[in-house]
N, C-alpha and C. Protein backbone atom coordinates (compact mmCIF):
# COMPACT_ATOMS: atom_id res chain seq x y z
N MET A 1 13.29 16.93 -41.10
CA MET A 1 12.17 17.42 -40.32
C MET A 1 11.30 16.27 -39.82
N ASN A 2 11.09 15.25 -40.67
CA ASN A 2 10.28 14.10 -40.28
C ASN A 2 10.93 13.32 -39.15
N LEU A 3 12.27 13.25 -39.14
CA LEU A 3 12.99 12.57 -38.07
C LEU A 3 12.75 13.26 -36.75
N CYS A 4 12.75 14.58 -36.74
CA CYS A 4 12.49 15.34 -35.50
C CYS A 4 11.09 15.06 -34.98
N ARG A 5 10.12 15.00 -35.88
CA ARG A 5 8.75 14.71 -35.45
C ARG A 5 8.63 13.31 -34.89
N LEU A 6 9.33 12.37 -35.51
CA LEU A 6 9.31 10.99 -35.02
C LEU A 6 9.94 10.92 -33.64
N GLN A 7 11.08 11.58 -33.44
CA GLN A 7 11.73 11.60 -32.13
C GLN A 7 10.81 12.24 -31.09
N LEU A 8 10.17 13.33 -31.44
CA LEU A 8 9.25 14.00 -30.53
C LEU A 8 8.09 13.08 -30.17
N LEU A 9 7.57 12.36 -31.14
CA LEU A 9 6.49 11.43 -30.89
C LEU A 9 6.93 10.32 -29.95
N ILE A 10 8.12 9.77 -30.18
CA ILE A 10 8.64 8.70 -29.31
C ILE A 10 8.82 9.21 -27.89
N TYR A 11 9.43 10.38 -27.73
CA TYR A 11 9.63 10.93 -26.39
C TYR A 11 8.30 11.23 -25.71
N THR A 12 7.34 11.73 -26.46
CA THR A 12 6.03 12.03 -25.90
C THR A 12 5.36 10.75 -25.40
N ILE A 13 5.42 9.71 -26.20
CA ILE A 13 4.83 8.43 -25.79
C ILE A 13 5.52 7.91 -24.54
N MET A 14 6.84 8.00 -24.49
CA MET A 14 7.58 7.53 -23.32
C MET A 14 7.22 8.34 -22.08
N ILE A 15 7.18 9.64 -22.23
CA ILE A 15 6.93 10.50 -21.08
C ILE A 15 5.48 10.36 -20.61
N LYS A 16 4.54 10.32 -21.52
CA LYS A 16 3.14 10.27 -21.13
C LYS A 16 2.71 8.90 -20.64
N ASN A 17 3.26 7.85 -21.21
CA ASN A 17 2.75 6.52 -20.90
C ASN A 17 3.68 5.69 -20.02
N TYR A 18 4.93 5.66 -20.32
CA TYR A 18 5.82 4.72 -19.64
C TYR A 18 6.39 5.27 -18.34
N ILE A 19 7.00 6.42 -18.42
CA ILE A 19 7.73 6.94 -17.27
C ILE A 19 6.81 7.25 -16.09
N PRO A 20 5.71 7.98 -16.26
CA PRO A 20 4.88 8.27 -15.08
C PRO A 20 4.31 7.02 -14.41
N SER A 21 3.89 6.04 -15.18
CA SER A 21 3.34 4.82 -14.58
C SER A 21 4.38 4.08 -13.77
N ASN A 22 5.57 3.92 -14.32
CA ASN A 22 6.61 3.22 -13.58
C ASN A 22 7.08 4.03 -12.38
N LEU A 23 7.17 5.33 -12.53
CA LEU A 23 7.56 6.18 -11.41
C LEU A 23 6.50 6.10 -10.31
N ALA A 24 5.23 6.14 -10.69
CA ALA A 24 4.15 6.04 -9.70
C ALA A 24 4.20 4.70 -8.98
N ARG A 25 4.44 3.62 -9.72
CA ARG A 25 4.55 2.29 -9.10
C ARG A 25 5.70 2.23 -8.10
N MET A 26 6.84 2.81 -8.47
CA MET A 26 8.00 2.77 -7.58
C MET A 26 7.77 3.64 -6.33
N ILE A 27 7.13 4.78 -6.50
CA ILE A 27 6.83 5.62 -5.34
C ILE A 27 5.82 4.92 -4.43
N PHE A 28 4.83 4.27 -5.03
CA PHE A 28 3.87 3.51 -4.23
C PHE A 28 4.57 2.38 -3.48
N ALA A 29 5.44 1.65 -4.17
CA ALA A 29 6.17 0.54 -3.53
C ALA A 29 7.06 1.07 -2.40
N ALA A 30 7.70 2.21 -2.61
CA ALA A 30 8.54 2.80 -1.56
C ALA A 30 7.70 3.20 -0.35
N THR A 31 6.52 3.74 -0.61
CA THR A 31 5.62 4.12 0.48
C THR A 31 5.18 2.90 1.27
N VAL A 32 4.80 1.85 0.57
CA VAL A 32 4.38 0.61 1.23
C VAL A 32 5.54 0.03 2.03
N ALA A 33 6.75 0.06 1.46
CA ALA A 33 7.92 -0.46 2.17
C ALA A 33 8.20 0.36 3.43
N LEU A 34 8.06 1.67 3.35
CA LEU A 34 8.27 2.50 4.53
C LEU A 34 7.25 2.19 5.62
N PHE A 35 5.99 2.00 5.25
CA PHE A 35 5.00 1.61 6.25
C PHE A 35 5.36 0.25 6.85
N GLY A 36 5.87 -0.67 6.04
CA GLY A 36 6.32 -1.96 6.56
C GLY A 36 7.47 -1.80 7.55
N LEU A 37 8.41 -0.94 7.19
CA LEU A 37 9.55 -0.66 8.09
C LEU A 37 9.06 -0.04 9.40
N PHE A 38 8.10 0.88 9.31
CA PHE A 38 7.55 1.52 10.51
C PHE A 38 6.91 0.48 11.43
N HIS A 39 6.33 -0.57 10.85
CA HIS A 39 5.74 -1.62 11.67
C HIS A 39 6.81 -2.34 12.49
N PHE A 40 8.00 -2.48 11.93
CA PHE A 40 9.07 -3.13 12.68
C PHE A 40 9.70 -2.19 13.70
N LEU A 41 9.81 -0.93 13.37
CA LEU A 41 10.43 0.03 14.29
C LEU A 41 9.52 0.44 15.43
N GLY A 42 8.21 0.42 15.19
CA GLY A 42 7.28 0.85 16.23
C GLY A 42 6.30 -0.22 16.65
N ALA A 43 6.75 -1.45 16.68
CA ALA A 43 5.85 -2.57 16.97
C ALA A 43 5.21 -2.46 18.35
N ALA A 44 5.98 -2.06 19.33
CA ALA A 44 5.44 -1.97 20.69
C ALA A 44 4.31 -0.94 20.77
N ALA A 45 4.50 0.19 20.14
CA ALA A 45 3.48 1.24 20.17
C ALA A 45 2.26 0.84 19.35
N MET A 46 2.46 0.18 18.22
CA MET A 46 1.34 -0.21 17.36
C MET A 46 0.57 -1.40 17.91
N ALA A 47 1.18 -2.17 18.78
CA ALA A 47 0.52 -3.37 19.32
C ALA A 47 -0.77 -3.01 20.05
N GLY A 48 -0.83 -1.82 20.60
CA GLY A 48 -2.05 -1.39 21.30
C GLY A 48 -3.23 -1.15 20.38
N MET A 49 -2.98 -1.04 19.08
CA MET A 49 -4.06 -0.81 18.12
C MET A 49 -4.72 -2.12 17.67
N VAL A 50 -4.12 -3.23 17.98
CA VAL A 50 -4.68 -4.53 17.59
C VAL A 50 -5.98 -4.74 18.36
N PRO A 51 -7.08 -5.05 17.67
CA PRO A 51 -8.36 -5.25 18.35
C PRO A 51 -8.28 -6.36 19.39
N ARG A 52 -9.06 -6.22 20.45
CA ARG A 52 -9.02 -7.19 21.55
C ARG A 52 -9.36 -8.61 21.08
N TYR A 53 -10.27 -8.72 20.12
CA TYR A 53 -10.68 -10.05 19.68
C TYR A 53 -9.59 -10.77 18.89
N LEU A 54 -8.48 -10.07 18.58
CA LEU A 54 -7.35 -10.72 17.91
C LEU A 54 -6.18 -10.98 18.84
N THR A 55 -6.35 -10.72 20.12
CA THR A 55 -5.22 -10.84 21.04
C THR A 55 -4.95 -12.28 21.48
N PHE A 56 -5.58 -13.26 20.82
CA PHE A 56 -5.18 -14.64 21.07
C PHE A 56 -3.76 -14.86 20.57
N ILE A 57 -3.31 -13.98 19.69
CA ILE A 57 -1.90 -13.88 19.30
C ILE A 57 -1.44 -12.51 19.79
N PRO A 58 -0.28 -12.41 20.43
CA PRO A 58 0.16 -11.11 20.95
C PRO A 58 0.16 -10.02 19.87
N GLY A 59 -0.20 -8.81 20.28
CA GLY A 59 -0.32 -7.69 19.37
C GLY A 59 0.94 -7.42 18.57
N GLU A 60 2.09 -7.54 19.19
CA GLU A 60 3.35 -7.28 18.48
C GLU A 60 3.56 -8.26 17.34
N ILE A 61 3.13 -9.48 17.52
CA ILE A 61 3.25 -10.48 16.44
C ILE A 61 2.41 -10.05 15.25
N TRP A 62 1.18 -9.57 15.50
CA TRP A 62 0.34 -9.08 14.41
C TRP A 62 1.01 -7.91 13.68
N VAL A 63 1.61 -7.03 14.45
CA VAL A 63 2.27 -5.86 13.84
C VAL A 63 3.45 -6.31 12.99
N TYR A 64 4.25 -7.22 13.50
CA TYR A 64 5.38 -7.73 12.72
C TYR A 64 4.90 -8.46 11.46
N LEU A 65 3.83 -9.23 11.59
CA LEU A 65 3.28 -9.98 10.45
C LEU A 65 2.79 -9.02 9.37
N THR A 66 2.05 -7.98 9.76
CA THR A 66 1.57 -7.02 8.76
C THR A 66 2.73 -6.23 8.17
N GLY A 67 3.75 -5.93 8.97
CA GLY A 67 4.93 -5.26 8.43
C GLY A 67 5.63 -6.11 7.39
N LEU A 68 5.72 -7.40 7.67
CA LEU A 68 6.33 -8.32 6.72
C LEU A 68 5.51 -8.39 5.43
N CYS A 69 4.19 -8.41 5.55
CA CYS A 69 3.32 -8.44 4.36
C CYS A 69 3.49 -7.16 3.54
N LEU A 70 3.60 -6.03 4.20
CA LEU A 70 3.81 -4.77 3.48
C LEU A 70 5.15 -4.79 2.73
N LEU A 71 6.20 -5.27 3.40
CA LEU A 71 7.51 -5.34 2.74
C LEU A 71 7.49 -6.33 1.57
N ALA A 72 6.79 -7.44 1.73
CA ALA A 72 6.70 -8.43 0.65
C ALA A 72 5.95 -7.85 -0.55
N ALA A 73 4.89 -7.12 -0.30
CA ALA A 73 4.14 -6.50 -1.41
C ALA A 73 5.00 -5.48 -2.14
N ALA A 74 5.73 -4.67 -1.39
CA ALA A 74 6.62 -3.68 -2.00
C ALA A 74 7.69 -4.37 -2.85
N ALA A 75 8.26 -5.44 -2.33
CA ALA A 75 9.29 -6.17 -3.07
C ALA A 75 8.71 -6.77 -4.35
N ALA A 76 7.50 -7.30 -4.29
CA ALA A 76 6.87 -7.88 -5.48
C ALA A 76 6.67 -6.82 -6.55
N ILE A 77 6.26 -5.63 -6.14
CA ILE A 77 6.03 -4.55 -7.10
C ILE A 77 7.35 -4.12 -7.74
N VAL A 78 8.37 -3.93 -6.93
CA VAL A 78 9.67 -3.47 -7.44
C VAL A 78 10.30 -4.53 -8.33
N LEU A 79 10.26 -5.78 -7.90
CA LEU A 79 10.90 -6.87 -8.64
C LEU A 79 10.04 -7.41 -9.78
N GLU A 80 8.79 -6.92 -9.86
CA GLU A 80 7.85 -7.35 -10.89
C GLU A 80 7.64 -8.86 -10.88
N ARG A 81 7.44 -9.39 -9.70
CA ARG A 81 7.17 -10.82 -9.51
C ARG A 81 5.83 -10.97 -8.78
N GLN A 82 4.90 -11.70 -9.38
CA GLN A 82 3.59 -11.93 -8.77
C GLN A 82 2.92 -10.62 -8.34
N VAL A 83 3.02 -9.61 -9.18
CA VAL A 83 2.52 -8.27 -8.85
C VAL A 83 1.01 -8.29 -8.64
N LYS A 84 0.29 -8.95 -9.52
CA LYS A 84 -1.17 -8.98 -9.41
C LYS A 84 -1.61 -9.58 -8.08
N LEU A 85 -1.07 -10.74 -7.74
CA LEU A 85 -1.41 -11.40 -6.49
C LEU A 85 -1.02 -10.53 -5.29
N ALA A 86 0.19 -10.00 -5.31
CA ALA A 86 0.67 -9.18 -4.19
C ALA A 86 -0.19 -7.94 -4.01
N CYS A 87 -0.56 -7.30 -5.10
CA CYS A 87 -1.36 -6.08 -5.01
C CYS A 87 -2.78 -6.37 -4.54
N TYR A 88 -3.36 -7.45 -5.01
CA TYR A 88 -4.71 -7.79 -4.57
C TYR A 88 -4.71 -8.18 -3.09
N LEU A 89 -3.70 -8.92 -2.65
CA LEU A 89 -3.61 -9.26 -1.22
C LEU A 89 -3.34 -8.03 -0.37
N LEU A 90 -2.51 -7.13 -0.88
CA LEU A 90 -2.26 -5.87 -0.17
C LEU A 90 -3.55 -5.07 -0.04
N ALA A 91 -4.31 -4.98 -1.12
CA ALA A 91 -5.59 -4.26 -1.08
C ALA A 91 -6.54 -4.90 -0.07
N LEU A 92 -6.60 -6.22 -0.05
CA LEU A 92 -7.45 -6.91 0.90
C LEU A 92 -7.03 -6.58 2.34
N MET A 93 -5.74 -6.63 2.61
CA MET A 93 -5.25 -6.33 3.95
C MET A 93 -5.60 -4.89 4.34
N LEU A 94 -5.43 -3.95 3.42
CA LEU A 94 -5.72 -2.55 3.74
C LEU A 94 -7.22 -2.34 3.98
N VAL A 95 -8.05 -3.00 3.21
CA VAL A 95 -9.50 -2.88 3.44
C VAL A 95 -9.87 -3.51 4.78
N LEU A 96 -9.22 -4.61 5.13
CA LEU A 96 -9.45 -5.20 6.45
C LEU A 96 -9.00 -4.26 7.56
N PHE A 97 -7.91 -3.54 7.36
CA PHE A 97 -7.49 -2.52 8.33
C PHE A 97 -8.60 -1.49 8.52
N VAL A 98 -9.18 -1.06 7.42
CA VAL A 98 -10.25 -0.07 7.49
C VAL A 98 -11.41 -0.62 8.31
N LEU A 99 -11.84 -1.83 7.98
CA LEU A 99 -13.02 -2.41 8.64
C LEU A 99 -12.76 -2.79 10.09
N MET A 100 -11.57 -3.30 10.38
CA MET A 100 -11.30 -3.82 11.72
C MET A 100 -10.68 -2.79 12.66
N LEU A 101 -9.94 -1.83 12.13
CA LEU A 101 -9.23 -0.89 12.99
C LEU A 101 -9.84 0.51 12.98
N HIS A 102 -10.12 1.02 11.80
CA HIS A 102 -10.49 2.43 11.69
C HIS A 102 -11.98 2.69 11.87
N VAL A 103 -12.84 1.90 11.24
CA VAL A 103 -14.28 2.13 11.35
C VAL A 103 -14.75 2.06 12.81
N PRO A 104 -14.32 1.06 13.59
CA PRO A 104 -14.77 1.03 14.99
C PRO A 104 -14.35 2.26 15.80
N ASN A 105 -13.28 2.93 15.40
CA ASN A 105 -12.80 4.09 16.15
C ASN A 105 -13.40 5.41 15.68
N LEU A 106 -14.20 5.40 14.63
CA LEU A 106 -14.75 6.65 14.11
C LEU A 106 -15.64 7.37 15.13
N ALA A 107 -16.38 6.63 15.93
CA ALA A 107 -17.29 7.24 16.90
C ALA A 107 -16.58 7.72 18.16
N ASP A 108 -15.36 7.28 18.37
CA ASP A 108 -14.60 7.67 19.56
C ASP A 108 -14.19 9.14 19.45
N ALA A 109 -14.46 9.91 20.50
CA ALA A 109 -14.17 11.35 20.48
C ALA A 109 -12.67 11.62 20.36
N GLU A 110 -11.86 10.80 21.01
CA GLU A 110 -10.41 11.02 20.99
C GLU A 110 -9.76 10.49 19.72
N LYS A 111 -10.19 9.35 19.25
CA LYS A 111 -9.54 8.68 18.12
C LYS A 111 -10.22 8.92 16.78
N GLY A 112 -11.38 9.54 16.77
CA GLY A 112 -12.20 9.66 15.57
C GLY A 112 -11.53 10.35 14.40
N GLN A 113 -10.87 11.49 14.67
CA GLN A 113 -10.24 12.24 13.57
C GLN A 113 -9.07 11.47 12.98
N MET A 114 -8.27 10.87 13.84
CA MET A 114 -7.14 10.07 13.35
C MET A 114 -7.63 8.82 12.62
N ALA A 115 -8.72 8.23 13.12
CA ALA A 115 -9.28 7.05 12.46
C ALA A 115 -9.78 7.40 11.07
N MET A 116 -10.39 8.57 10.92
CA MET A 116 -10.88 9.00 9.60
C MET A 116 -9.71 9.20 8.64
N ALA A 117 -8.65 9.86 9.09
CA ALA A 117 -7.48 10.08 8.24
C ALA A 117 -6.84 8.75 7.85
N SER A 118 -6.71 7.85 8.81
CA SER A 118 -6.12 6.54 8.53
C SER A 118 -7.00 5.73 7.60
N MET A 119 -8.31 5.83 7.79
CA MET A 119 -9.24 5.11 6.92
C MET A 119 -9.12 5.59 5.48
N LEU A 120 -9.09 6.91 5.29
CA LEU A 120 -8.97 7.45 3.94
C LEU A 120 -7.64 7.07 3.30
N LYS A 121 -6.57 7.12 4.08
CA LYS A 121 -5.24 6.74 3.56
C LYS A 121 -5.21 5.28 3.15
N ASP A 122 -5.74 4.41 4.00
CA ASP A 122 -5.72 2.97 3.69
C ASP A 122 -6.62 2.63 2.50
N MET A 123 -7.77 3.29 2.40
CA MET A 123 -8.64 3.03 1.24
C MET A 123 -7.98 3.52 -0.05
N ALA A 124 -7.35 4.69 0.01
CA ALA A 124 -6.67 5.20 -1.18
C ALA A 124 -5.53 4.27 -1.59
N MET A 125 -4.76 3.80 -0.62
CA MET A 125 -3.67 2.88 -0.94
C MET A 125 -4.21 1.55 -1.48
N ALA A 126 -5.32 1.08 -0.93
CA ALA A 126 -5.92 -0.16 -1.42
C ALA A 126 -6.34 -0.01 -2.88
N MET A 127 -6.94 1.12 -3.21
CA MET A 127 -7.38 1.34 -4.59
C MET A 127 -6.18 1.48 -5.53
N CYS A 128 -5.10 2.11 -5.07
CA CYS A 128 -3.88 2.18 -5.88
C CYS A 128 -3.30 0.79 -6.10
N ALA A 129 -3.33 -0.04 -5.07
CA ALA A 129 -2.84 -1.41 -5.21
C ALA A 129 -3.66 -2.17 -6.25
N ILE A 130 -4.97 -1.97 -6.24
CA ILE A 130 -5.83 -2.63 -7.22
C ILE A 130 -5.50 -2.14 -8.62
N LEU A 131 -5.31 -0.83 -8.78
CA LEU A 131 -4.95 -0.32 -10.10
C LEU A 131 -3.63 -0.90 -10.60
N ILE A 132 -2.64 -0.99 -9.72
CA ILE A 132 -1.35 -1.56 -10.11
C ILE A 132 -1.52 -3.04 -10.43
N GLY A 133 -2.29 -3.75 -9.61
CA GLY A 133 -2.54 -5.17 -9.88
C GLY A 133 -3.25 -5.38 -11.21
N ASN A 134 -4.25 -4.54 -11.48
CA ASN A 134 -4.98 -4.65 -12.74
C ASN A 134 -4.08 -4.37 -13.94
N ASP A 135 -3.12 -3.49 -13.74
CA ASP A 135 -2.23 -3.08 -14.85
C ASP A 135 -1.12 -4.10 -15.09
N SER A 136 -0.86 -4.98 -14.13
CA SER A 136 0.24 -5.93 -14.30
C SER A 136 -0.18 -7.05 -15.24
N GLU A 137 0.79 -7.65 -15.86
CA GLU A 137 0.52 -8.70 -16.84
C GLU A 137 0.56 -10.09 -16.25
N GLU A 138 0.91 -10.21 -15.02
CA GLU A 138 1.02 -11.54 -14.39
C GLU A 138 -0.32 -12.00 -13.90
């Protein structure tokens, strides 16, 4: 009977602590990787969202660069290499997206609702990245 209780305790600890955290990290990394892939597949369409004051470099280059950063962050999380640094830089990039892309569009009648949704999504992802970074041992 004691062996059964010990096994139950071990499984409970694994299910409650280990599996959900790792599953959540992998789902987050997959989501970040998909957004990175979307940056490569839709670079021409996304280039129009680059603020005018950043067009000293063509908009598509910015989109490709951010897509590459998203893919690099996802790879760091999955491979468990430099996770803390990658997550903190990812969070910084997402907060910059909020400040530079979404906040200026909130007052626009046409873009306001989409800007709000994108702002909330990017802030939530930034906070998840911080949580994952804080949880990493690197």
